[in-house]
C-alpha atoms as a PDB file:
ATOM      1  CA  UNK A   1       0.000   0.000   0.000  1.00  0.00           C
ATOM      2  CA  UNK A   2       1.235   3.436  -0.873  1.00  0.00           C
ATOM      3  CA  UNK A   3       1.867   5.891   1.961  1.00  0.00           C
ATOM      4  CA  UNK A   4      -0.741   8.675   1.858  1.00  0.00           C
ATOM      5  CA  UNK A   5       1.712  11.109   3.493  1.00  0.00           C
ATOM      6  CA  UNK A   6       4.051  10.701   0.504  1.00  0.00           C
ATOM      7  CA  UNK A   7       1.216  11.623  -1.867  1.00  0.00           C
ATOM      8  CA  UNK A   8       0.270  14.637   0.253  1.00  0.00           C
ATOM      9  CA  UNK A   9       3.878  15.843   0.305  1.00  0.00           C
ATOM     10  CA  UNK A  10       4.238  15.273  -3.448  1.00  0.00           C
ATOM     11  CA  UNK A  11       1.065  17.217  -4.305  1.00  0.00           C
ATOM     12  CA  UNK A  12       2.070  20.063  -2.000  1.00  0.00           C
ATOM     13  CA  UNK A  13       5.491  20.213  -3.652  1.00  0.00           C
ATOM     14  CA  UNK A  14       3.950  20.422  -7.125  1.00  0.00           C
ATOM     15  CA  UNK A  15       1.523  23.139  -5.987  1.00  0.00           C
ATOM     16  CA  UNK A  16       4.168  25.276  -4.223  1.00  0.00           C
ATOM     17  CA  UNK A  17       6.923  24.569  -6.746  1.00  0.00           C
ATOM     18  CA  UNK A  18       9.545  24.730  -4.017  1.00  0.00           C
ATOM     19  CA  UNK A  19      11.028  22.274  -1.518  1.00  0.00           C
ATOM     20  CA  UNK A  20      11.533  24.893   1.194  1.00  0.00           C
ATOM     21  CA  UNK A  21       7.968  26.237   0.995  1.00  0.00           C
ATOM     22  CA  UNK A  22       6.638  22.694   1.024  1.00  0.00           C
ATOM     23  CA  UNK A  23       8.585  21.950   4.210  1.00  0.00           C
ATOM     24  CA  UNK A  24       7.236  25.103   5.847  1.00  0.00           C
ATOM     25  CA  UNK A  25       3.661  24.383   4.827  1.00  0.00           C
ATOM     26  CA  UNK A  26       3.758  20.794   6.101  1.00  0.00           C
ATOM     27  CA  UNK A  27       5.837  21.565   9.228  1.00  0.00           C
ATOM     28  CA  UNK A  28       8.635  19.305   7.965  1.00  0.00           C
ATOM     29  CA  UNK A  29      12.333  19.685   7.292  1.00  0.00           C
ATOM     30  CA  UNK A  30      13.526  20.107   3.708  1.00  0.00           C
ATOM     31  CA  UNK A  31      15.505  16.816   3.853  1.00  0.00           C
ATOM     32  CA  UNK A  32      12.304  15.150   5.083  1.00  0.00           C
ATOM     33  CA  UNK A  33      10.445  16.400   1.999  1.00  0.00           C
ATOM     34  CA  UNK A  34      13.205  15.157  -0.279  1.00  0.00           C
ATOM     35  CA  UNK A  35      13.221  11.772   1.453  1.00  0.00           C
ATOM     36  CA  UNK A  36       9.458  11.276   0.957  1.00  0.00           C
ATOM     37  CA  UNK A  37       9.742  12.185  -2.735  1.00  0.00           C
ATOM     38  CA  UNK A  38      12.562   9.638  -3.144  1.00  0.00           C
ATOM     39  CA  UNK A  39      10.433   6.972  -1.423  1.00  0.00           C
ATOM     40  CA  UNK A  40       7.572   7.747  -3.789  1.00  0.00           C
ATOM     41  CA  UNK A  41       9.888   7.385  -6.782  1.00  0.00           C
ATOM     42  CA  UNK A  42      11.212   4.107  -5.381  1.00  0.00           C
ATOM     43  CA  UNK A  43       7.655   2.853  -4.893  1.00  0.00           C
ATOM     44  CA  UNK A  44       6.732   3.540  -8.523  1.00  0.00           C
ATOM     45  CA  UNK A  45      10.269   2.729  -9.777  1.00  0.00           C
ATOM     46  CA  UNK A  46      10.044   5.865 -11.874  1.00  0.00           C
ATOM     47  CA  UNK A  47      11.633   9.304 -11.768  1.00  0.00           C
ATOM     48  CA  UNK A  48       8.800  11.748 -11.034  1.00  0.00           C
ATOM     49  CA  UNK A  49      10.802  14.984 -11.085  1.00  0.00           C
ATOM     50  CA  UNK A  50      13.379  16.313 -13.514  1.00  0.00           C
ATOM     51  CA  UNK A  51      15.632  18.330 -11.204  1.00  0.00           C
ATOM     52  CA  UNK A  52      17.241  21.468 -12.591  1.00  0.00           C
ATOM     53  CA  UNK A  53      19.291  23.055  -9.806  1.00  0.00           C
ATOM     54  CA  UNK A  54      16.841  24.295  -7.159  1.00  0.00           C
ATOM     55  CA  UNK A  55      13.872  24.023  -9.542  1.00  0.00           C
ATOM     56  CA  UNK A  56      12.247  21.006 -11.134  1.00  0.00           C
ATOM     57  CA  UNK A  57       9.784  19.904 -13.805  1.00  0.00           C
ATOM     58  CA  UNK A  58       7.525  16.862 -13.863  1.00  0.00           C
ATOM     59  CA  UNK A  59       8.362  13.811 -15.895  1.00  0.00           C
ATOM     60  CA  UNK A  60       5.530  12.132 -17.794  1.00  0.00           C
ATOM     61  CA  UNK A  61       5.220   9.589 -14.953  1.00  0.00           C
ATOM     62  CA  UNK A  62       5.252  12.468 -12.486  1.00  0.00           C
ATOM     63  CA  UNK A  63       2.281  14.108 -14.216  1.00  0.00           C
ATOM     64  CA  UNK A  64       0.270  10.854 -14.063  1.00  0.00           C
ATOM     65  CA  UNK A  65       1.076  10.324 -10.399  1.00  0.00           C
ATOM     66  CA  UNK A  66       0.095  13.920  -9.603  1.00  0.00           C
ATOM     67  CA  UNK A  67      -3.313  13.609 -11.292  1.00  0.00           C
ATOM     68  CA  UNK A  68      -4.062  10.305  -9.552  1.00  0.00           C
ATOM     69  CA  UNK A  69      -2.787  11.598  -6.200  1.00  0.00           C
ATOM     70  CA  UNK A  70      -5.122  14.605  -6.404  1.00  0.00           C
ATOM     71  CA  UNK A  71      -8.118  12.299  -6.978  1.00  0.00           C
ATOM     72  CA  UNK A  72      -7.106   9.945  -4.178  1.00  0.00           C
ATOM     73  CA  UNK A  73      -6.597  12.730  -1.641  1.00  0.00           C
ATOM     74  CA  UNK A  74      -9.889  14.378  -2.624  1.00  0.00           C
ATOM     75  CA  UNK A  75     -11.774  11.099  -2.160  1.00  0.00           C
ATOM     76  CA  UNK A  76     -10.190  10.524   1.240  1.00  0.00           C
ATOM     77  CA  UNK A  77     -11.038  14.069   2.272  1.00  0.00           C
ATOM     78  CA  UNK A  78     -14.664  13.576   1.202  1.00  0.00           C
ATOM     79  CA  UNK A  79     -14.832  10.325   3.167  1.00  0.00           C
ATOM     80  CA  UNK A  80     -13.480  12.063   6.270  1.00  0.00           C
ATOM     81  CA  UNK A  81     -16.056  14.835   5.915  1.00  0.00           C
ATOM     82  CA  UNK A  82     -18.926  12.394   5.494  1.00  0.00           C
ATOM     83  CA  UNK A  83     -17.832  10.456   8.573  1.00  0.00           C
ATOM     84  CA  UNK A  84     -17.690  13.652  10.615  1.00  0.00           C
ATOM     85  CA  UNK A  85     -21.185  14.480   9.384  1.00  0.00           C
ATOM     86  CA  UNK A  86     -22.735  11.261  10.725  1.00  0.00           C
ATOM     87  CA  UNK A  87     -26.163  12.811  11.335  1.00  0.00           C
ATOM     88  CA  UNK A  88     -27.887  11.169  14.346  1.00  0.00           C
ATOM     89  CA  UNK A  89     -31.304  12.130  12.930  1.00  0.00           C
ATOM     90  CA  UNK A  90     -30.981  11.067   9.288  1.00  0.00           C
ATOM     91  CA  UNK A  91     -30.392   7.961   7.186  1.00  0.00           C
ATOM     92  CA  UNK A  92     -31.731   4.525   6.329  1.00  0.00           C
ATOM     93  CA  UNK A  93     -32.368   1.973   9.110  1.00  0.00           C
ATOM     94  CA  UNK A  94     -32.881  -1.636   7.971  1.00  0.00           C
ATOM     95  CA  UNK A  95     -34.536  -3.680  10.733  1.00  0.00           C
ATOM     96  CA  UNK A  96     -36.379  -7.004  10.940  1.00  0.00           C
ATOM     97  CA  UNK A  97     -38.244  -8.881  13.660  1.00  0.00           C
ATOM     98  CA  UNK A  98     -40.861 -11.569  14.191  1.00  0.00           C
ATOM     99  CA  UNK A  99     -44.406 -10.354  13.669  1.00  0.00           C
ATOM    100  CA  UNK A 100     -45.493  -9.654  17.233  1.00  0.00           C
ATOM    101  CA  UNK A 101     -42.456  -7.504  18.002  1.00  0.00           C
ATOM    102  CA  UNK A 102     -42.917  -5.697  14.705  1.00  0.00           C
ATOM    103  CA  UNK A 103     -46.525  -4.827  15.488  1.00  0.00           C
ATOM    104  CA  UNK A 104     -45.256  -3.031  18.574  1.00  0.00           C
ATOM    105  CA  UNK A 105     -42.110  -1.452  17.155  1.00  0.00           C
ATOM    106  CA  UNK A 106     -43.041  -0.320  13.658  1.00  0.00           C
ATOM    107  CA  UNK A 107     -45.740   2.232  14.619  1.00  0.00           C
ATOM    108  CA  UNK A 108     -43.382   3.743  17.192  1.00  0.00           C
ATOM    109  CA  UNK A 109     -40.598   3.994  14.642  1.00  0.00           C
ATOM    110  CA  UNK A 110     -42.978   5.786  12.283  1.00  0.00           C
ATOM    111  CA  UNK A 111     -43.732   8.268  15.082  1.00  0.00           C
ATOM    112  CA  UNK A 112     -39.986   8.791  15.413  1.00  0.00           C
ATOM    113  CA  UNK A 113     -39.792   9.432  11.666  1.00  0.00           C
ATOM    114  CA  UNK A 114     -42.508  12.061  11.973  1.00  0.00           C
ATOM    115  CA  UNK A 115     -40.258  13.899  14.443  1.00  0.00           C
ATOM    116  CA  UNK A 116     -37.160  13.370  12.282  1.00  0.00           C
ATOM    117  CA  UNK A 117     -38.325  13.108   8.642  1.00  0.00           C
ATOM    118  CA  UNK A 118     -34.811  12.388   7.339  1.00  0.00           C
ATOM    119  CA  UNK A 119     -34.868   9.011   9.103  1.00  0.00           C
ATOM    120  CA  UNK A 120     -36.059   6.208   6.807  1.00  0.00           C
ATOM    121  CA  UNK A 121     -37.170   2.779   8.051  1.00  0.00           C
ATOM    122  CA  UNK A 122     -37.030  -0.414   6.028  1.00  0.00           C
ATOM    123  CA  UNK A 123     -38.841  -2.825   8.372  1.00  0.00           C
ATOM    124  CA  UNK A 124     -39.351  -6.500   7.593  1.00  0.00           C
ATOM    125  CA  UNK A 125     -41.417  -9.122   9.424  1.00  0.00           C
ATOM    126  CA  UNK A 126     -39.603 -12.461   9.260  1.00  0.00           C
ATOM    127  CA  UNK A 127     -38.873 -15.660  11.239  1.00  0.00           C
ATOM    128  CA  UNK A 128     -35.696 -16.056  13.285  1.00  0.00           C
ATOM    129  CA  UNK A 129     -33.640 -17.986  10.723  1.00  0.00           C
ATOM    130  CA  UNK A 130     -34.448 -15.569   7.897  1.00  0.00           C
ATOM    131  CA  UNK A 131     -33.452 -12.590  10.039  1.00  0.00           C
ATOM    132  CA  UNK A 132     -30.115 -14.204  10.870  1.00  0.00           C
ATOM    133  CA  UNK A 133     -29.415 -14.908   7.207  1.00  0.00           C
ATOM    134  CA  UNK A 134     -30.338 -11.387   6.113  1.00  0.00           C
ATOM    135  CA  UNK A 135     -27.935  -9.983   8.711  1.00  0.00           C
ATOM    136  CA  UNK A 136     -25.171 -12.341   7.607  1.00  0.00           C
ATOM    137  CA  UNK A 137     -25.781 -11.257   3.990  1.00  0.00           C
ATOM    138  CA  UNK A 138     -25.584  -7.554   5.015  1.00  0.00           C
ATOM    139  CA  UNK A 139     -29.203  -6.926   4.032  1.00  0.00           C
ATOM    140  CA  UNK A 140     -30.071  -5.629   7.540  1.00  0.00           C
ATOM    141  CA  UNK A 141     -28.516  -3.381  10.138  1.00  0.00           C
ATOM    142  CA  UNK A 142     -30.332  -4.786  13.192  1.00  0.00           C
ATOM    143  CA  UNK A 143     -32.596  -7.742  13.868  1.00  0.00           C
ATOM    144  CA  UNK A 144     -34.692  -9.133  16.687  1.00  0.00           C
ATOM    145  CA  UNK A 145     -35.096 -12.860  17.271  1.00  0.00           C
ATOM    146  CA  UNK A 146     -36.545 -14.978  20.058  1.00  0.00           C
ATOM    147  CA  UNK A 147     -33.506 -17.153  20.715  1.00  0.00           C
ATOM    148  CA  UNK A 148     -29.731 -16.618  20.766  1.00  0.00           C
ATOM    149  CA  UNK A 149     -28.222 -16.522  17.295  1.00  0.00           C
ATOM    150  CA  UNK A 150     -26.667 -19.702  15.918  1.00  0.00           C
ATOM    151  CA  UNK A 151     -24.328 -17.843  13.515  1.00  0.00           C
ATOM    152  CA  UNK A 152     -20.804 -17.058  14.707  1.00  0.00           C
ATOM    153  CA  UNK A 153     -20.619 -13.846  12.655  1.00  0.00           C
ATOM    154  CA  UNK A 154     -23.519 -12.336  14.613  1.00  0.00           C
ATOM    155  CA  UNK A 155     -23.545 -10.960  18.157  1.00  0.00           C
ATOM    156  CA  UNK A 156     -26.579 -11.453  20.396  1.00  0.00           C
ATOM    157  CA  UNK A 157     -27.744  -9.507  23.430  1.00  0.00           C
ATOM    158  CA  UNK A 158     -30.854  -9.724  25.592  1.00  0.00           C
ATOM    159  CA  UNK A 159     -33.033  -6.734  24.706  1.00  0.00           C
ATOM    160  CA  UNK A 160     -36.490  -7.211  26.252  1.00  0.00           C
ATOM    161  CA  UNK A 161     -39.063  -9.708  27.477  1.00  0.00           C
ATOM    162  CA  UNK A 162     -42.495 -10.311  25.967  1.00  0.00           C
ATOM    163  CA  UNK A 163     -45.260 -12.077  27.915  1.00  0.00           C
ATOM    164  CA  UNK A 164     -47.142 -14.973  26.362  1.00  0.00           C
ATOM    165  CA  UNK A 165     -50.924 -14.700  26.549  1.00  0.00           C
ATOM    166  CA  UNK A 166     -53.754 -17.245  26.406  1.00  0.00           C
ATOM    167  CA  UNK A 167     -56.435 -15.779  24.139  1.00  0.00           C
ATOM    168  CA  UNK A 168     -60.036 -17.013  24.151  1.00  0.00           C
ATOM    169  CA  UNK A 169     -63.376 -15.571  23.011  1.00  0.00           C
ATOM    170  CA  UNK A 170     -64.545 -12.732  25.257  1.00  0.00           C
ATOM    171  CA  UNK A 171     -66.977 -14.838  27.322  1.00  0.00           C
ATOM    172  CA  UNK A 172     -64.209 -17.144  28.622  1.00  0.00           C
ATOM    173  CA  UNK A 173     -62.740 -15.025  31.428  1.00  0.00           C
ATOM    174  CA  UNK A 174     -60.910 -17.732  33.384  1.00  0.00           C
ATOM    175  CA  UNK A 175     -60.784 -20.696  31.028  1.00  0.00           C
ATOM    176  CA  UNK A 176     -60.620 -24.143  32.567  1.00  0.00           C
ATOM    177  CA  UNK A 177     -58.967 -27.120  30.930  1.00  0.00           C
ATOM    178  CA  UNK A 178     -62.409 -28.294  29.837  1.00  0.00           C
ATOM    179  CA  UNK A 179     -63.090 -24.894  28.275  1.00  0.00           C
ATOM    180  CA  UNK A 180     -59.948 -25.238  26.177  1.00  0.00           C
ATOM    181  CA  UNK A 181     -60.905 -28.753  25.077  1.00  0.00           C
ATOM    182  CA  UNK A 182     -64.371 -27.554  24.097  1.00  0.00           C
ATOM    183  CA  UNK A 183     -63.092 -24.511  22.222  1.00  0.00           C
ATOM    184  CA  UNK A 184     -60.356 -26.183  20.178  1.00  0.00           C
ATOM    185  CA  UNK A 185     -57.086 -24.697  19.065  1.00  0.00           C
ATOM    186  CA  UNK A 186     -56.196 -22.101  16.426  1.00  0.00           C
ATOM    187  CA  UNK A 187     -52.618 -22.718  15.321  1.00  0.00           C
ATOM    188  CA  UNK A 188     -49.901 -20.422  13.894  1.00  0.00           C
ATOM    189  CA  UNK A 189     -46.209 -20.908  12.956  1.00  0.00           C
ATOM    190  CA  UNK A 190     -44.964 -20.522  16.555  1.00  0.00           C
ATOM    191  CA  UNK A 191     -48.097 -21.968  18.091  1.00  0.00           C
ATOM    192  CA  UNK A 192     -46.715 -25.264  19.344  1.00  0.00           C
ATOM    193  CA  UNK A 193     -43.695 -23.544  20.893  1.00  0.00           C
ATOM    194  CA  UNK A 194     -45.707 -20.794  22.612  1.00  0.00           C
ATOM    195  CA  UNK A 195     -48.365 -23.204  23.835  1.00  0.00           C
ATOM    196  CA  UNK A 196     -45.781 -25.589  25.226  1.00  0.00           C
ATOM    197  CA  UNK A 197     -44.208 -22.778  27.235  1.00  0.00           C
ATOM    198  CA  UNK A 198     -47.392 -21.265  28.656  1.00  0.00           C
ATOM    199  CA  UNK A 199     -49.875 -24.125  28.928  1.00  0.00           C
ATOM    200  CA  UNK A 200     -47.447 -26.611  30.455  1.00  0.00           C
ATOM    201  CA  UNK A 201     -46.732 -24.078  33.223  1.00  0.00           C
ATOM    202  CA  UNK A 202     -50.436 -23.560  34.005  1.00  0.00           C
ATOM    203  CA  UNK A 203     -52.385 -26.729  33.148  1.00  0.00           C
ATOM    204  CA  UNK A 204     -51.218 -30.035  34.618  1.00  0.00           C
ATOM    205  CA  UNK A 205     -53.160 -31.900  31.910  1.00  0.00           C
ATOM    206  CA  UNK A 206     -51.285 -30.305  29.018  1.00  0.00           C
ATOM    207  CA  UNK A 207     -48.845 -32.404  27.016  1.00  0.00           C
ATOM    208  CA  UNK A 208     -49.036 -31.090  23.450  1.00  0.00           C
ATOM    209  CA  UNK A 209     -51.355 -29.107  21.183  1.00  0.00           C
ATOM    210  CA  UNK A 210     -52.593 -32.264  19.460  1.00  0.00           C
ATOM    211  CA  UNK A 211     -54.762 -32.834  22.570  1.00  0.00           C
ATOM    212  CA  UNK A 212     -57.088 -30.117  21.202  1.00  0.00           C
ATOM    213  CA  UNK A 213     -59.182 -30.298  18.080  1.00  0.00           C
ATOM    214  CA  UNK A 214     -57.698 -28.062  15.416  1.00  0.00           C
ATOM    215  CA  UNK A 215     -59.971 -25.141  14.536  1.00  0.00           C
ATOM    216  CA  UNK A 216     -57.722 -23.306  12.083  1.00  0.00           C
ATOM    217  CA  UNK A 217     -54.294 -22.011  11.137  1.00  0.00           C
ATOM    218  CA  UNK A 218     -52.924 -18.661   9.941  1.00  0.00           C
ATOM    219  CA  UNK A 219     -49.406 -17.469   9.259  1.00  0.00           C
ATOM    220  CA  UNK A 220     -50.448 -13.795   9.162  1.00  0.00           C
ATOM    221  CA  UNK A 221     -49.838 -12.220  12.555  1.00  0.00           C
ATOM    222  CA  UNK A 222     -52.692  -9.746  12.107  1.00  0.00           C
ATOM    223  CA  UNK A 223     -55.246 -12.469  11.300  1.00  0.00           C
ATOM    224  CA  UNK A 224     -54.555 -15.147  13.908  1.00  0.00           C
ATOM    225  CA  UNK A 225     -57.067 -13.687  16.370  1.00  0.00           C
ATOM    226  CA  UNK A 226     -59.908 -13.282  13.862  1.00  0.00           C
ATOM    227  CA  UNK A 227     -61.337 -16.797  14.452  1.00  0.00           C
ATOM    228  CA  UNK A 228     -60.940 -16.325  18.222  1.00  0.00           C
ATOM    229  CA  UNK A 229     -63.060 -13.165  17.994  1.00  0.00           C
ATOM    230  CA  UNK A 230     -65.746 -15.235  16.256  1.00  0.00           C
ATOM    231  CA  UNK A 231     -65.747 -17.859  19.016  1.00  0.00           C
ATOM    232  CA  UNK A 232     -63.945 -20.453  16.915  1.00  0.00           C
ATOM    233  CA  UNK A 233     -61.211 -21.498  19.338  1.00  0.00           C
ATOM    234  CA  UNK A 234     -58.311 -20.302  21.485  1.00  0.00           C
ATOM    235  CA  UNK A 235     -54.613 -19.709  20.912  1.00  0.00           C
ATOM    236  CA  UNK A 236     -51.423 -18.566  22.644  1.00  0.00           C
ATOM    237  CA  UNK A 237     -49.679 -15.453  21.332  1.00  0.00           C
ATOM    238  CA  UNK A 238     -47.062 -12.922  22.452  1.00  0.00           C
ATOM    239  CA  UNK A 239     -48.578  -9.909  24.188  1.00  0.00           C
ATOM    240  CA  UNK A 240     -47.711  -7.306  21.547  1.00  0.00           C
ATOM    241  CA  UNK A 241     -49.666  -9.187  18.885  1.00  0.00           C
ATOM    242  CA  UNK A 242     -52.680  -9.357  21.199  1.00  0.00           C
ATOM    243  CA  UNK A 243     -52.443  -5.659  22.084  1.00  0.00           C
ATOM    244  CA  UNK A 244     -52.446  -4.741  18.383  1.00  0.00           C
ATOM    245  CA  UNK A 245     -55.693  -6.580  17.621  1.00  0.00           C
ATOM    246  CA  UNK A 246     -58.347  -4.159  16.366  1.00  0.00           C
ATOM    247  CA  UNK A 247     -61.318  -5.792  18.148  1.00  0.00           C
ATOM    248  CA  UNK A 248     -60.195  -6.303  21.763  1.00  0.00           C
ATOM    249  CA  UNK A 249     -63.800  -6.370  23.032  1.00  0.00           C
ATOM    250  CA  UNK A 250     -64.336  -9.698  21.241  1.00  0.00           C
ATOM    251  CA  UNK A 251     -61.471 -11.562  22.899  1.00  0.00           C
ATOM    252  CA  UNK A 252     -60.208 -12.273  26.408  1.00  0.00           C
ATOM    253  CA  UNK A 253     -56.440 -12.112  26.998  1.00  0.00           C
ATOM    254  CA  UNK A 254     -55.644 -14.143  30.109  1.00  0.00           C
ATOM    255  CA  UNK A 255     -52.377 -13.706  31.979  1.00  0.00           C
ATOM    256  CA  UNK A 256     -52.361 -16.967  33.896  1.00  0.00           C
ATOM    257  CA  UNK A 257     -51.286 -17.623  37.474  1.00  0.00           C
ATOM    258  CA  UNK A 258     -47.823 -18.740  36.308  1.00  0.00           C
ATOM    259  CA  UNK A 259     -46.703 -16.057  33.840  1.00  0.00           C
ATOM    260  CA  UNK A 260     -44.304 -17.022  31.071  1.00  0.00           C
ATOM    261  CA  UNK A 261     -42.318 -14.598  28.928  1.00  0.00           C
ATOM    262  CA  UNK A 262     -40.281 -14.998  25.792  1.00  0.00           C
ATOM    263  CA  UNK A 263     -36.879 -13.295  25.592  1.00  0.00           C
ATOM    264  CA  UNK A 264     -36.301 -10.907  22.696  1.00  0.00           C
ATOM    265  CA  UNK A 265     -32.691 -10.763  21.508  1.00  0.00           C
ATOM    266  CA  UNK A 266     -31.071  -7.949  19.553  1.00  0.00           C
ATOM    267  CA  UNK A 267     -28.698  -9.279  16.880  1.00  0.00           C
ATOM    268  CA  UNK A 268     -26.266  -7.543  14.548  1.00  0.00           C
ATOM    269  CA  UNK A 269     -23.101  -8.342  12.647  1.00  0.00           C
ATOM    270  CA  UNK A 270     -20.194  -8.861  15.006  1.00  0.00           C
ATOM    271  CA  UNK A 271     -17.631  -6.033  15.006  1.00  0.00           C
ATOM    272  CA  UNK A 272     -19.904  -3.772  12.932  1.00  0.00           C
ATOM    273  CA  UNK A 273     -19.945  -0.160  14.054  1.00  0.00           C
ATOM    274  CA  UNK A 274     -23.377   1.303  13.400  1.00  0.00           C
ATOM    275  CA  UNK A 275     -24.061   4.906  12.382  1.00  0.00           C
ATOM    276  CA  UNK A 276     -24.978   7.483  15.032  1.00  0.00           C
ATOM    277  CA  UNK A 277     -28.694   7.335  14.177  1.00  0.00           C
ATOM    278  CA  UNK A 278     -28.924   3.813  15.590  1.00  0.00           C
ATOM    279  CA  UNK A 279     -28.310   5.128  19.122  1.00  0.00           C
ATOM    280  CA  UNK A 280     -31.593   7.042  18.931  1.00  0.00           C
ATOM    281  CA  UNK A 281     -33.391   4.221  17.137  1.00  0.00           C
ATOM    282  CA  UNK A 282     -32.249   1.529  19.580  1.00  0.00           C
ATOM    283  CA  UNK A 283     -33.146   3.664  22.624  1.00  0.00           C
ATOM    284  CA  UNK A 284     -36.596   4.306  21.142  1.00  0.00           C
ATOM    285  CA  UNK A 285     -37.197   0.609  20.506  1.00  0.00           C
ATOM    286  CA  UNK A 286     -36.070  -0.407  23.993  1.00  0.00           C
ATOM    287  CA  UNK A 287     -38.348   2.157  25.625  1.00  0.00           C
ATOM    288  CA  UNK A 288     -41.190   0.952  23.423  1.00  0.00           C
ATOM    289  CA  UNK A 289     -40.752  -2.714  24.325  1.00  0.00           C
ATOM    290  CA  UNK A 290     -40.340  -1.984  28.024  1.00  0.00           C
ATOM    291  CA  UNK A 291     -43.451   0.218  28.142  1.00  0.00           C
ATOM    292  CA  UNK A 292     -46.041  -2.078  29.712  1.00  0.00           C
END
């Protein structure tokens, strides 16, 4: 790799036309200037200057190096300026989470965008494995999953907890085991996992969801509770998905005597340094998820 200081010294020499003035401008000694020019010539294995006493002219190679050095130094200067102008209230934020977390976070992020219109959110709803892969492929900046990451290139940290909720039609205020058997079960992609966690902690009779008659299935987080509202069964969902349902008067969300929560993990690429705007975004999301 070429030494950027050599290029800076070389360009300054060409622009001042004098070794002594170059040394003064760069706070160097004149022999130091001459040494850096010699190193640059050794690097390119070309004479860059045609010396004529105390003056000089550029060789053809010297002209080419000067033009390229100007471009390189300008690009580096622009990069330095852009890094110093890392606006904490502007830029694209690419985030993904499972559906329930997204139903809670996305509206709050839009409210943040209203306050800071130069923030832009690309928010995806996706399962854990897809979120991990998108992060590994550099398609996301941050992700939320409900288990520690299995990929070594990602870092994982506990971010929040989300309660699991038993949801029945509105008339079932304190559902018994018999009530659940009579109602039947409405399944969803994480249904077996969520039910195992919550029902096994609260109903001694529970072994697996196949004990209930199946009343339906949906993989759309916003539609899972529609059959419940019509009296067509029960399900177990994370609390944020239940809170987002548009017809709460038609369902009963029971927090049982033995509460169970699911951990939400924040994941990102290991060793990645995020832009300043993610400090504000992450703080906003944590406050949102911890607001009961």
